[in-house]
Protein backbone atom coordinates (compact mmCIF):
# COMPACT_ATOMS: atom_id res chain seq x y z
CA MET A 1 119.13 73.17 71.68
CA VAL A 2 119.29 76.13 74.06
CA LYS A 3 116.48 77.13 76.43
CA LYS A 4 116.55 80.20 78.66
CA PHE A 5 114.01 81.84 80.95
CA ILE A 6 113.84 85.60 80.50
CA LYS A 7 111.87 88.24 82.37
CA ILE A 8 110.40 90.84 80.01
CA LYS A 9 111.49 94.37 80.92
CA LEU A 10 110.02 96.21 77.92
CA SER A 11 107.73 98.81 79.49
CA SER A 12 104.96 98.19 76.96
CA GLY A 13 105.31 94.41 77.02
CA LEU A 14 104.93 92.76 73.64
CA GLU A 15 102.19 94.79 72.03
CA ALA A 16 102.03 95.02 68.22
CA ARG A 17 105.14 97.11 67.52
CA PRO A 18 107.47 95.43 70.06
CA ALA A 19 106.22 92.00 68.94
CA ALA A 20 106.97 92.90 65.32
CA MET A 21 110.48 94.01 66.33
CA LEU A 22 111.04 90.72 68.15
CA VAL A 23 109.95 88.80 65.04
CA GLN A 24 112.52 90.82 63.05
CA VAL A 25 115.26 89.95 65.55
CA ALA A 26 114.33 86.24 65.49
CA SER A 27 114.10 86.18 61.69
CA GLN A 28 117.78 87.10 61.38
CA TYR A 29 118.71 83.60 62.54
CA ASP A 30 118.49 80.23 60.83
CA SER A 31 117.63 78.39 64.05
CA LYS A 32 114.10 77.38 64.92
CA ILE A 33 113.07 79.72 67.74
CA TYR A 34 110.07 79.35 70.04
CA LEU A 35 108.68 81.37 72.91
CA GLU A 36 106.72 79.70 75.69
CA ALA A 37 104.43 81.41 78.16
CA GLU A 38 102.10 79.47 80.42
CA ALA A 39 100.69 76.68 78.24
CA LYS A 40 101.34 78.40 74.89
CA ARG A 41 104.32 77.77 72.61
CA VAL A 42 104.69 79.86 69.45
CA ASN A 43 107.18 80.35 66.65
CA ALA A 44 109.14 83.53 67.41
CA LYS A 45 109.30 84.28 63.68
CA SER A 46 105.50 84.45 63.39
CA ILE A 47 103.86 87.82 64.10
CA MET A 48 100.45 86.18 64.48
CA GLY A 49 101.84 83.67 66.95
CA MET A 50 103.56 86.38 68.95
CA MET A 51 100.37 88.44 69.17
CA THR A 52 98.46 85.48 70.65
CA LEU A 53 100.77 85.43 73.67
CA GLY A 54 99.77 88.88 74.92
CA LEU A 55 102.91 89.24 77.00
CA VAL A 56 103.27 92.08 79.50
CA ALA A 57 106.22 93.66 81.28
CA GLY A 58 107.40 91.62 84.26
CA GLU A 59 106.27 88.30 82.80
CA THR A 60 108.82 85.48 82.54
CA ILE A 61 108.95 83.44 79.35
CA ALA A 62 111.06 80.61 78.00
CA VAL A 63 113.01 81.21 74.80
CA GLU A 64 114.09 78.07 73.01
CA ALA A 65 116.34 77.90 69.94
CA ASP A 66 117.59 74.92 67.98
CA GLY A 67 120.12 75.23 65.14
CA GLU A 68 123.60 76.33 64.19
CA ASP A 69 123.21 79.87 65.55
CA GLU A 70 121.06 79.03 68.58
CA GLU A 71 123.34 80.67 71.17
CA ALA A 72 123.48 83.97 69.27
CA ALA A 73 119.73 83.90 68.65
CA VAL A 74 118.82 83.46 72.32
CA SER A 75 121.38 86.09 73.32
CA GLU A 76 119.99 88.72 70.92
CA ILE A 77 116.38 87.98 71.89
CA GLU A 78 117.30 88.33 75.55
CA LYS A 79 119.01 91.70 74.86
CA TYR A 80 115.85 92.92 73.16
CA LEU A 81 113.45 91.69 75.85
CA VAL A 82 115.39 93.19 78.75
CA SER A 83 115.97 96.60 77.14
CA GLU A 84 113.82 99.22 78.83
């Protein structure tokens, strides 16, 4: 299991379109992937779950992946979240 704290740098935060793109990135991997913000933990492959987080730029979240490709999954998600 890999867990990393990442500060969101997307200017629009994770509104509908960026959240959908993140779900697409996460869905490329076999690992179970979760995002945690405050007291909420959601499946990164679920668009409905992602929308409930309401994440904004500058917020720090935890990305957790567990599986054969966990390192690659966390790395790609981090690349996406810090792109401006």
